[in-house]
């Protein structure tokens, strides 16, 4: 993503991301005969999943990686499984074992070390502040992706994963099109 953000505007990249993906998912839009009609709650969850997981994730991630190093973005993005585990525990009541808590601690420590790293002992330069904002945006993308995963877990009890993916991608395309 980092090299692409130097060649294309972020909103155009986000639009291309969901547009290209959506073309491949068109056959998945058809409602299976055995699927119940969508309730208002399910529609709301589909929209929320798309808003967070497609729209905001793309914007935060693409702007973030354009402002920070690829290494920093990679370390922060690697915390997605830990954040999914925390959100699943908080919102779905899933149990977290000792090894998962250890992994969450390692992810938090990695991000903390990244945030504490200073090239010199002086105050932050404009470039460092820019990188910090990029890191924060990448972490916001992590939160969006984790919310996407947790909402997706909730929706799989109502509909199949291919249909969920195609519907949230369609919402994502509608959301990003005016900006793309």
N, C-alpha and C. Protein backbone atom coordinates (compact mmCIF):
# COMPACT_ATOMS: atom_id res chain seq x y z
N UNK A 1 0.81 -1.21 0.00
CA UNK A 1 0.00 0.00 0.00
C UNK A 1 0.85 1.27 0.00
N UNK A 2 2.00 1.23 0.69
CA UNK A 2 2.82 2.44 0.80
C UNK A 2 3.23 3.00 -0.57
N UNK A 3 3.77 2.18 -1.49
CA UNK A 3 4.12 2.74 -2.80
C UNK A 3 2.90 3.24 -3.58
N UNK A 4 1.76 2.57 -3.40
CA UNK A 4 0.56 3.01 -4.13
C UNK A 4 0.08 4.37 -3.66
N UNK A 5 0.28 4.69 -2.37
CA UNK A 5 -0.18 5.99 -1.86
C UNK A 5 0.64 7.15 -2.41
N UNK A 6 1.83 6.85 -2.92
CA UNK A 6 2.62 7.92 -3.55
C UNK A 6 2.19 8.14 -5.00
N UNK A 7 1.55 7.13 -5.60
CA UNK A 7 1.15 7.22 -7.00
C UNK A 7 -0.32 7.61 -7.19
N UNK A 8 -1.18 7.29 -6.21
CA UNK A 8 -2.61 7.55 -6.33
C UNK A 8 -3.13 8.26 -5.09
N UNK A 9 -4.18 9.07 -5.23
CA UNK A 9 -4.82 9.63 -4.04
C UNK A 9 -5.47 8.53 -3.20
N UNK A 10 -5.46 8.71 -1.90
CA UNK A 10 -5.96 7.70 -0.97
C UNK A 10 -7.40 7.31 -1.26
N UNK A 11 -8.27 8.27 -1.50
CA UNK A 11 -9.68 7.95 -1.72
C UNK A 11 -9.88 7.17 -3.03
N UNK A 12 -9.06 7.46 -4.04
CA UNK A 12 -9.13 6.70 -5.28
C UNK A 12 -8.68 5.25 -5.04
N UNK A 13 -7.62 5.07 -4.25
CA UNK A 13 -7.17 3.72 -3.91
C UNK A 13 -8.25 2.95 -3.15
N UNK A 14 -8.88 3.61 -2.20
CA UNK A 14 -9.95 2.95 -1.44
C UNK A 14 -11.09 2.54 -2.36
N UNK A 15 -11.45 3.43 -3.27
CA UNK A 15 -12.53 3.15 -4.22
C UNK A 15 -12.16 1.97 -5.13
N UNK A 16 -10.91 1.97 -5.61
CA UNK A 16 -10.45 0.87 -6.46
C UNK A 16 -10.44 -0.45 -5.68
N UNK A 17 -10.06 -0.39 -4.41
CA UNK A 17 -9.99 -1.60 -3.57
C UNK A 17 -11.35 -2.28 -3.49
N UNK A 18 -12.39 -1.51 -3.15
CA UNK A 18 -13.71 -2.13 -3.02
C UNK A 18 -14.35 -2.39 -4.38
N UNK A 19 -14.03 -1.56 -5.36
CA UNK A 19 -14.59 -1.76 -6.70
C UNK A 19 -14.09 -3.02 -7.36
N UNK A 20 -12.78 -3.23 -7.30
CA UNK A 20 -12.20 -4.43 -7.91
C UNK A 20 -12.68 -5.68 -7.16
N UNK A 21 -12.68 -5.60 -5.84
CA UNK A 21 -13.17 -6.73 -5.05
C UNK A 21 -14.63 -7.03 -5.33
N UNK A 22 -15.42 -5.97 -5.48
CA UNK A 22 -16.85 -6.13 -5.72
C UNK A 22 -17.17 -6.83 -7.02
N UNK A 23 -16.34 -6.61 -8.03
CA UNK A 23 -16.57 -7.29 -9.31
C UNK A 23 -16.50 -8.80 -9.16
N UNK A 24 -15.55 -9.25 -8.37
CA UNK A 24 -15.41 -10.68 -8.15
C UNK A 24 -16.50 -11.26 -7.25
N UNK A 25 -17.15 -10.41 -6.49
CA UNK A 25 -18.17 -10.88 -5.53
C UNK A 25 -19.60 -10.76 -6.04
N UNK A 26 -19.79 -10.25 -7.24
CA UNK A 26 -21.15 -10.07 -7.76
C UNK A 26 -22.01 -11.34 -7.67
N UNK A 27 -21.47 -12.52 -8.02
CA UNK A 27 -22.31 -13.73 -7.93
C UNK A 27 -22.75 -14.06 -6.50
N UNK A 28 -22.04 -13.57 -5.50
CA UNK A 28 -22.36 -13.86 -4.11
C UNK A 28 -23.50 -13.02 -3.56
N UNK A 29 -23.93 -11.99 -4.30
CA UNK A 29 -25.00 -11.10 -3.83
C UNK A 29 -26.36 -11.79 -3.77
N UNK A 30 -26.57 -12.76 -4.64
CA UNK A 30 -27.88 -13.44 -4.70
C UNK A 30 -28.20 -14.11 -3.37
N UNK A 31 -29.41 -13.85 -2.88
CA UNK A 31 -29.86 -14.42 -1.61
C UNK A 31 -30.18 -15.90 -1.80
N UNK A 32 -29.57 -16.78 -1.00
CA UNK A 32 -29.92 -18.21 -1.08
C UNK A 32 -31.37 -18.43 -0.66
N UNK A 33 -31.98 -19.43 -1.21
CA UNK A 33 -33.39 -19.72 -0.92
C UNK A 33 -33.63 -20.04 0.55
N UNK A 34 -32.64 -20.62 1.22
CA UNK A 34 -32.83 -21.01 2.62
C UNK A 34 -32.45 -19.91 3.62
N UNK A 35 -32.07 -18.75 3.12
CA UNK A 35 -31.71 -17.64 4.02
C UNK A 35 -32.95 -16.81 4.37
N UNK A 36 -33.09 -16.52 5.65
CA UNK A 36 -34.22 -15.71 6.12
C UNK A 36 -34.08 -14.28 5.60
N UNK A 37 -35.20 -13.56 5.47
CA UNK A 37 -35.11 -12.15 5.07
C UNK A 37 -34.28 -11.35 6.08
N UNK A 38 -33.62 -10.31 5.60
CA UNK A 38 -32.77 -9.49 6.46
C UNK A 38 -33.64 -8.65 7.41
N UNK A 39 -33.33 -8.71 8.68
CA UNK A 39 -34.02 -7.86 9.66
C UNK A 39 -33.35 -6.49 9.67
N UNK A 40 -34.00 -5.54 10.32
CA UNK A 40 -33.42 -4.20 10.45
C UNK A 40 -32.10 -4.26 11.22
N UNK A 41 -32.03 -5.12 12.24
CA UNK A 41 -30.80 -5.26 13.03
C UNK A 41 -29.67 -5.81 12.16
N UNK A 42 -29.98 -6.82 11.35
CA UNK A 42 -28.96 -7.42 10.47
C UNK A 42 -28.48 -6.40 9.45
N UNK A 43 -29.41 -5.64 8.87
CA UNK A 43 -29.02 -4.59 7.92
C UNK A 43 -28.12 -3.56 8.59
N UNK A 44 -28.47 -3.20 9.82
CA UNK A 44 -27.65 -2.23 10.56
C UNK A 44 -26.25 -2.76 10.84
N UNK A 45 -26.16 -4.05 11.20
CA UNK A 45 -24.84 -4.65 11.44
C UNK A 45 -24.03 -4.74 10.15
N UNK A 46 -24.69 -5.05 9.04
CA UNK A 46 -24.00 -5.08 7.75
C UNK A 46 -23.44 -3.70 7.40
N UNK A 47 -24.26 -2.67 7.61
CA UNK A 47 -23.79 -1.32 7.33
C UNK A 47 -22.63 -0.95 8.25
N UNK A 48 -22.75 -1.22 9.54
CA UNK A 48 -21.70 -0.89 10.50
C UNK A 48 -20.41 -1.64 10.17
N UNK A 49 -20.54 -2.91 9.83
CA UNK A 49 -19.36 -3.69 9.46
C UNK A 49 -18.69 -3.10 8.23
N UNK A 50 -19.47 -2.68 7.26
CA UNK A 50 -18.92 -2.08 6.06
C UNK A 50 -18.30 -0.72 6.35
N UNK A 51 -19.00 0.10 7.13
CA UNK A 51 -18.49 1.44 7.45
C UNK A 51 -17.14 1.35 8.17
N UNK A 52 -17.07 0.46 9.16
CA UNK A 52 -15.83 0.32 9.92
C UNK A 52 -14.79 -0.49 9.15
N UNK A 53 -15.19 -1.65 8.64
CA UNK A 53 -14.23 -2.58 8.06
C UNK A 53 -13.81 -2.30 6.64
N UNK A 54 -14.64 -1.65 5.86
CA UNK A 54 -14.27 -1.30 4.48
C UNK A 54 -13.87 0.17 4.38
N UNK A 55 -14.80 1.04 4.71
CA UNK A 55 -14.60 2.47 4.50
C UNK A 55 -13.54 3.05 5.43
N UNK A 56 -13.79 3.04 6.73
CA UNK A 56 -12.85 3.65 7.66
C UNK A 56 -11.51 2.90 7.70
N UNK A 57 -11.55 1.57 7.63
CA UNK A 57 -10.30 0.81 7.60
C UNK A 57 -9.43 1.27 6.44
N UNK A 58 -10.01 1.33 5.24
CA UNK A 58 -9.23 1.72 4.06
C UNK A 58 -8.65 3.12 4.20
N UNK A 59 -9.47 4.05 4.65
CA UNK A 59 -9.02 5.43 4.76
C UNK A 59 -7.92 5.56 5.81
N UNK A 60 -8.14 4.99 6.99
CA UNK A 60 -7.14 5.08 8.07
C UNK A 60 -5.85 4.37 7.68
N UNK A 61 -5.97 3.17 7.11
CA UNK A 61 -4.79 2.40 6.75
C UNK A 61 -4.00 3.09 5.65
N UNK A 62 -4.66 3.55 4.61
CA UNK A 62 -3.94 4.15 3.49
C UNK A 62 -3.31 5.49 3.87
N UNK A 63 -4.06 6.35 4.58
CA UNK A 63 -3.45 7.61 5.04
C UNK A 63 -2.33 7.31 6.04
N UNK A 64 -2.56 6.34 6.92
CA UNK A 64 -1.56 6.00 7.94
C UNK A 64 -0.26 5.52 7.34
N UNK A 65 -0.32 4.55 6.42
CA UNK A 65 0.93 4.04 5.83
C UNK A 65 1.62 5.08 4.97
N UNK A 66 0.88 6.05 4.46
CA UNK A 66 1.53 7.10 3.69
C UNK A 66 2.32 8.06 4.59
N UNK A 67 2.03 8.04 5.91
CA UNK A 67 2.68 8.97 6.84
C UNK A 67 3.74 8.33 7.73
N UNK A 68 3.79 7.01 7.76
CA UNK A 68 4.72 6.32 8.65
C UNK A 68 5.56 5.34 7.85
N UNK A 69 6.47 4.68 8.52
CA UNK A 69 7.31 3.69 7.83
C UNK A 69 6.54 2.39 7.65
N UNK A 70 6.99 1.62 6.68
CA UNK A 70 6.37 0.32 6.44
C UNK A 70 6.59 -0.61 7.64
N UNK A 71 7.74 -0.49 8.28
CA UNK A 71 8.04 -1.32 9.46
C UNK A 71 7.07 -0.99 10.59
N UNK A 72 6.89 0.29 10.87
CA UNK A 72 5.97 0.70 11.94
C UNK A 72 4.55 0.23 11.63
N UNK A 73 4.12 0.44 10.40
CA UNK A 73 2.77 0.01 10.01
C UNK A 73 2.62 -1.50 10.16
N UNK A 74 3.66 -2.25 9.79
CA UNK A 74 3.61 -3.71 9.90
C UNK A 74 3.50 -4.18 11.35
N UNK A 75 4.28 -3.55 12.24
CA UNK A 75 4.22 -3.91 13.65
C UNK A 75 2.83 -3.63 14.21
N UNK A 76 2.29 -2.48 13.88
CA UNK A 76 0.97 -2.11 14.39
C UNK A 76 -0.11 -3.02 13.80
N UNK A 77 -0.06 -3.27 12.51
CA UNK A 77 -1.07 -4.13 11.88
C UNK A 77 -1.00 -5.56 12.42
N UNK A 78 0.18 -5.97 12.88
CA UNK A 78 0.32 -7.32 13.44
C UNK A 78 -0.47 -7.49 14.74
N UNK A 79 -0.95 -6.40 15.29
CA UNK A 79 -1.74 -6.49 16.53
C UNK A 79 -3.21 -6.80 16.27
N UNK A 80 -3.60 -6.93 15.02
CA UNK A 80 -5.01 -7.21 14.70
C UNK A 80 -5.55 -8.44 15.44
N UNK A 81 -4.86 -9.59 15.41
CA UNK A 81 -5.42 -10.75 16.14
C UNK A 81 -5.62 -10.49 17.64
N UNK A 82 -4.70 -9.76 18.25
CA UNK A 82 -4.83 -9.46 19.69
C UNK A 82 -6.03 -8.57 19.94
N UNK A 83 -6.25 -7.58 19.09
CA UNK A 83 -7.38 -6.67 19.26
C UNK A 83 -8.70 -7.40 18.97
N UNK A 84 -8.69 -8.30 18.00
CA UNK A 84 -9.89 -9.12 17.74
C UNK A 84 -10.22 -9.95 18.98
N UNK A 85 -9.20 -10.54 19.59
CA UNK A 85 -9.42 -11.35 20.79
C UNK A 85 -10.02 -10.50 21.90
N UNK A 86 -9.48 -9.30 22.12
CA UNK A 86 -10.02 -8.41 23.16
C UNK A 86 -11.46 -8.01 22.87
N UNK A 87 -11.75 -7.65 21.63
CA UNK A 87 -13.11 -7.25 21.28
C UNK A 87 -14.07 -8.44 21.36
N UNK A 88 -13.61 -9.62 20.99
CA UNK A 88 -14.46 -10.81 21.08
C UNK A 88 -14.77 -11.11 22.54
N UNK A 89 -13.81 -10.91 23.39
CA UNK A 89 -13.99 -11.10 24.84
C UNK A 89 -14.99 -10.06 25.38
N UNK A 90 -14.80 -8.80 24.98
CA UNK A 90 -15.63 -7.71 25.50
C UNK A 90 -17.06 -7.74 24.95
N UNK A 91 -17.22 -8.01 23.66
CA UNK A 91 -18.53 -7.88 23.03
C UNK A 91 -19.27 -9.20 22.82
N UNK A 92 -18.53 -10.29 22.70
CA UNK A 92 -19.17 -11.58 22.44
C UNK A 92 -19.07 -12.53 23.63
N UNK A 93 -18.34 -12.12 24.66
CA UNK A 93 -18.20 -12.95 25.84
C UNK A 93 -17.31 -14.17 25.63
N UNK A 94 -16.45 -14.14 24.61
CA UNK A 94 -15.56 -15.28 24.37
C UNK A 94 -14.48 -15.33 25.44
N UNK A 95 -14.07 -16.54 25.77
CA UNK A 95 -13.02 -16.74 26.78
C UNK A 95 -11.65 -16.55 26.14
N UNK A 96 -10.75 -15.99 26.92
CA UNK A 96 -9.37 -15.80 26.47
C UNK A 96 -8.47 -16.58 27.42
N UNK A 97 -7.69 -17.49 26.86
CA UNK A 97 -6.76 -18.29 27.65
C UNK A 97 -5.48 -17.53 27.96
N UNK A 98 -4.65 -18.13 28.76
CA UNK A 98 -3.40 -17.52 29.19
C UNK A 98 -2.47 -17.20 28.02
N UNK A 99 -2.38 -18.11 27.05
CA UNK A 99 -1.51 -17.86 25.89
C UNK A 99 -2.00 -16.67 25.07
N UNK A 100 -3.31 -16.53 24.94
CA UNK A 100 -3.86 -15.38 24.20
C UNK A 100 -3.57 -14.09 24.95
N UNK A 101 -3.75 -14.11 26.28
CA UNK A 101 -3.42 -12.92 27.07
C UNK A 101 -1.93 -12.56 26.90
N UNK A 102 -1.08 -13.57 26.82
CA UNK A 102 0.35 -13.33 26.58
C UNK A 102 0.59 -12.68 25.23
N UNK A 103 -0.12 -13.17 24.21
CA UNK A 103 0.00 -12.59 22.87
C UNK A 103 -0.49 -11.15 22.85
N UNK A 104 -1.56 -10.88 23.56
CA UNK A 104 -2.09 -9.52 23.65
C UNK A 104 -1.05 -8.61 24.31
N UNK A 105 -0.42 -9.11 25.37
CA UNK A 105 0.63 -8.35 26.04
C UNK A 105 1.81 -8.06 25.12
N UNK A 106 2.21 -9.06 24.33
CA UNK A 106 3.32 -8.87 23.38
C UNK A 106 2.97 -7.82 22.32
N UNK A 107 1.74 -7.87 21.81
CA UNK A 107 1.31 -6.88 20.81
C UNK A 107 1.32 -5.48 21.41
N UNK A 108 0.82 -5.36 22.64
CA UNK A 108 0.80 -4.04 23.30
C UNK A 108 2.22 -3.56 23.55
N UNK A 109 3.11 -4.45 23.97
CA UNK A 109 4.50 -4.07 24.22
C UNK A 109 5.18 -3.61 22.93
N UNK A 110 4.93 -4.31 21.83
CA UNK A 110 5.52 -3.91 20.55
C UNK A 110 5.08 -2.53 20.12
N UNK A 111 3.81 -2.25 20.28
CA UNK A 111 3.30 -0.93 19.90
C UNK A 111 3.85 0.14 20.85
N UNK A 112 3.93 -0.18 22.15
CA UNK A 112 4.46 0.77 23.12
C UNK A 112 5.93 1.08 22.83
N UNK A 113 6.72 0.07 22.52
CA UNK A 113 8.12 0.30 22.18
C UNK A 113 8.25 1.15 20.93
N UNK A 114 7.41 0.91 19.98
CA UNK A 114 7.41 1.70 18.76
C UNK A 114 7.09 3.16 19.07
N UNK A 115 6.11 3.38 19.95
CA UNK A 115 5.73 4.73 20.31
C UNK A 115 6.78 5.45 21.14
N UNK A 116 7.56 4.72 21.90
CA UNK A 116 8.58 5.33 22.74
C UNK A 116 9.89 5.59 22.01
N UNK A 117 10.07 4.99 20.85
CA UNK A 117 11.32 5.13 20.10
C UNK A 117 11.50 6.57 19.64
N UNK A 118 12.65 7.14 19.98
CA UNK A 118 13.00 8.50 19.57
C UNK A 118 14.38 8.46 18.92
N UNK A 119 14.55 9.08 17.76
CA UNK A 119 15.85 9.06 17.13
C UNK A 119 16.90 9.86 17.92
N UNK A 120 16.48 10.86 18.66
CA UNK A 120 17.40 11.64 19.49
C UNK A 120 16.68 12.05 20.77
N UNK A 121 17.35 12.77 21.62
CA UNK A 121 16.77 13.12 22.91
C UNK A 121 15.95 14.39 22.90
N UNK A 122 15.73 15.00 21.77
CA UNK A 122 15.01 16.27 21.68
C UNK A 122 13.52 16.06 21.47
N UNK A 123 12.77 17.13 21.45
CA UNK A 123 11.33 17.05 21.20
C UNK A 123 11.05 16.54 19.81
N UNK A 124 9.80 16.18 19.55
CA UNK A 124 9.47 15.60 18.24
C UNK A 124 9.60 16.63 17.12
N UNK A 125 10.21 16.20 16.03
CA UNK A 125 10.30 17.03 14.85
C UNK A 125 8.97 16.93 14.09
N UNK A 126 8.85 17.75 13.07
CA UNK A 126 7.64 17.69 12.26
C UNK A 126 7.49 16.32 11.62
N UNK A 127 8.61 15.74 11.17
CA UNK A 127 8.55 14.41 10.57
C UNK A 127 8.13 13.35 11.58
N UNK A 128 8.63 13.47 12.82
CA UNK A 128 8.25 12.50 13.86
C UNK A 128 6.78 12.64 14.21
N UNK A 129 6.29 13.88 14.28
CA UNK A 129 4.87 14.11 14.57
C UNK A 129 4.01 13.53 13.44
N UNK A 130 4.49 13.70 12.21
CA UNK A 130 3.79 13.15 11.04
C UNK A 130 3.74 11.62 11.14
N UNK A 131 4.86 11.00 11.53
CA UNK A 131 4.91 9.54 11.67
C UNK A 131 4.02 9.08 12.83
N UNK A 132 3.98 9.86 13.91
CA UNK A 132 3.11 9.51 15.04
C UNK A 132 1.65 9.52 14.61
N UNK A 133 1.26 10.54 13.85
CA UNK A 133 -0.11 10.59 13.34
C UNK A 133 -0.37 9.39 12.43
N UNK A 134 0.60 9.04 11.59
CA UNK A 134 0.47 7.87 10.74
C UNK A 134 0.28 6.60 11.56
N UNK A 135 1.07 6.46 12.64
CA UNK A 135 0.94 5.29 13.51
C UNK A 135 -0.44 5.24 14.16
N UNK A 136 -0.93 6.40 14.59
CA UNK A 136 -2.26 6.45 15.21
C UNK A 136 -3.34 6.07 14.20
N UNK A 137 -3.19 6.52 12.97
CA UNK A 137 -4.17 6.16 11.93
C UNK A 137 -4.11 4.66 11.61
N UNK A 138 -2.91 4.10 11.58
CA UNK A 138 -2.79 2.66 11.35
C UNK A 138 -3.43 1.89 12.51
N UNK A 139 -3.24 2.37 13.74
CA UNK A 139 -3.88 1.70 14.87
C UNK A 139 -5.40 1.86 14.81
N UNK A 140 -5.88 3.00 14.34
CA UNK A 140 -7.33 3.16 14.14
C UNK A 140 -7.82 2.14 13.11
N UNK A 141 -7.01 1.88 12.08
CA UNK A 141 -7.37 0.85 11.09
C UNK A 141 -7.43 -0.52 11.75
N UNK A 142 -6.53 -0.79 12.70
CA UNK A 142 -6.55 -2.06 13.44
C UNK A 142 -7.86 -2.19 14.20
N UNK A 143 -8.28 -1.12 14.87
CA UNK A 143 -9.54 -1.15 15.61
C UNK A 143 -10.72 -1.39 14.67
N UNK A 144 -10.69 -0.74 13.51
CA UNK A 144 -11.76 -0.94 12.52
C UNK A 144 -11.78 -2.38 12.01
N UNK A 145 -10.62 -2.94 11.74
CA UNK A 145 -10.54 -4.32 11.25
C UNK A 145 -11.01 -5.31 12.31
N UNK A 146 -10.66 -5.04 13.56
CA UNK A 146 -11.10 -5.92 14.65
C UNK A 146 -12.62 -5.85 14.80
N UNK A 147 -13.18 -4.66 14.70
CA UNK A 147 -14.64 -4.52 14.77
C UNK A 147 -15.30 -5.27 13.61
N UNK A 148 -14.70 -5.19 12.45
CA UNK A 148 -15.17 -5.92 11.26
C UNK A 148 -15.24 -7.42 11.55
N UNK A 149 -14.18 -7.95 12.16
CA UNK A 149 -14.13 -9.38 12.46
C UNK A 149 -15.18 -9.78 13.49
N UNK A 150 -15.35 -8.97 14.53
CA UNK A 150 -16.29 -9.29 15.60
C UNK A 150 -17.73 -9.20 15.09
N UNK A 151 -18.03 -8.17 14.32
CA UNK A 151 -19.38 -8.04 13.75
C UNK A 151 -19.63 -9.20 12.78
N UNK A 152 -18.61 -9.57 12.02
CA UNK A 152 -18.73 -10.69 11.10
C UNK A 152 -19.05 -11.99 11.82
N UNK A 153 -18.43 -12.19 13.00
CA UNK A 153 -18.74 -13.39 13.80
C UNK A 153 -20.22 -13.39 14.18
N UNK A 154 -20.72 -12.23 14.54
CA UNK A 154 -22.12 -12.12 14.94
C UNK A 154 -23.05 -12.42 13.76
N UNK A 155 -22.69 -11.93 12.58
CA UNK A 155 -23.54 -12.10 11.40
C UNK A 155 -23.53 -13.51 10.84
N UNK A 156 -22.46 -14.28 11.06
CA UNK A 156 -22.40 -15.63 10.47
C UNK A 156 -23.48 -16.56 11.02
N UNK A 157 -24.11 -16.20 12.12
CA UNK A 157 -25.23 -16.99 12.62
C UNK A 157 -26.49 -16.78 11.80
N UNK A 158 -26.52 -15.72 11.00
CA UNK A 158 -27.72 -15.35 10.25
C UNK A 158 -27.57 -15.62 8.75
N UNK A 159 -26.36 -15.49 8.23
CA UNK A 159 -26.13 -15.64 6.80
C UNK A 159 -24.72 -16.17 6.54
N UNK A 160 -24.50 -16.62 5.31
CA UNK A 160 -23.21 -17.19 4.94
C UNK A 160 -22.13 -16.14 4.75
N UNK A 161 -20.86 -16.52 4.89
CA UNK A 161 -19.76 -15.56 4.80
C UNK A 161 -19.61 -14.90 3.44
N UNK A 162 -19.89 -15.63 2.36
CA UNK A 162 -19.78 -15.03 1.03
C UNK A 162 -20.83 -13.93 0.85
N UNK A 163 -22.03 -14.20 1.29
CA UNK A 163 -23.10 -13.18 1.16
C UNK A 163 -22.80 -11.98 2.05
N UNK A 164 -22.32 -12.21 3.27
CA UNK A 164 -21.94 -11.10 4.15
C UNK A 164 -20.88 -10.25 3.46
N UNK A 165 -19.85 -10.90 2.94
CA UNK A 165 -18.74 -10.19 2.30
C UNK A 165 -19.22 -9.37 1.11
N UNK A 166 -20.08 -9.95 0.28
CA UNK A 166 -20.55 -9.22 -0.90
C UNK A 166 -21.43 -8.03 -0.51
N UNK A 167 -22.27 -8.20 0.50
CA UNK A 167 -23.14 -7.09 0.92
C UNK A 167 -22.36 -5.96 1.57
N UNK A 168 -21.38 -6.29 2.41
CA UNK A 168 -20.61 -5.21 3.03
C UNK A 168 -19.71 -4.54 2.01
N UNK A 169 -19.26 -5.30 1.01
CA UNK A 169 -18.46 -4.68 -0.04
C UNK A 169 -19.31 -3.73 -0.87
N UNK A 170 -20.56 -4.10 -1.11
CA UNK A 170 -21.48 -3.22 -1.85
C UNK A 170 -21.71 -1.93 -1.07
N UNK A 171 -21.93 -2.05 0.25
CA UNK A 171 -22.07 -0.85 1.09
C UNK A 171 -20.79 -0.02 1.04
N UNK A 172 -19.64 -0.69 1.15
CA UNK A 172 -18.36 0.02 1.10
C UNK A 172 -18.18 0.78 -0.21
N UNK A 173 -18.58 0.16 -1.29
CA UNK A 173 -18.48 0.83 -2.60
C UNK A 173 -19.38 2.07 -2.62
N UNK A 174 -20.59 1.94 -2.09
CA UNK A 174 -21.49 3.10 -2.05
C UNK A 174 -20.93 4.22 -1.16
N UNK A 175 -20.30 3.85 -0.06
CA UNK A 175 -19.75 4.85 0.85
C UNK A 175 -18.55 5.59 0.28
N UNK A 176 -17.67 4.88 -0.41
CA UNK A 176 -16.43 5.48 -0.87
C UNK A 176 -16.54 6.13 -2.26
N UNK A 177 -17.56 5.76 -3.04
CA UNK A 177 -17.71 6.29 -4.40
C UNK A 177 -17.72 7.82 -4.47
N UNK A 178 -18.46 8.52 -3.61
CA UNK A 178 -18.42 9.99 -3.73
C UNK A 178 -17.03 10.59 -3.53
N UNK A 179 -16.18 9.92 -2.77
CA UNK A 179 -14.83 10.43 -2.50
C UNK A 179 -13.82 9.93 -3.53
N UNK A 180 -14.08 8.73 -4.08
CA UNK A 180 -13.15 8.11 -5.02
C UNK A 180 -13.20 8.76 -6.37
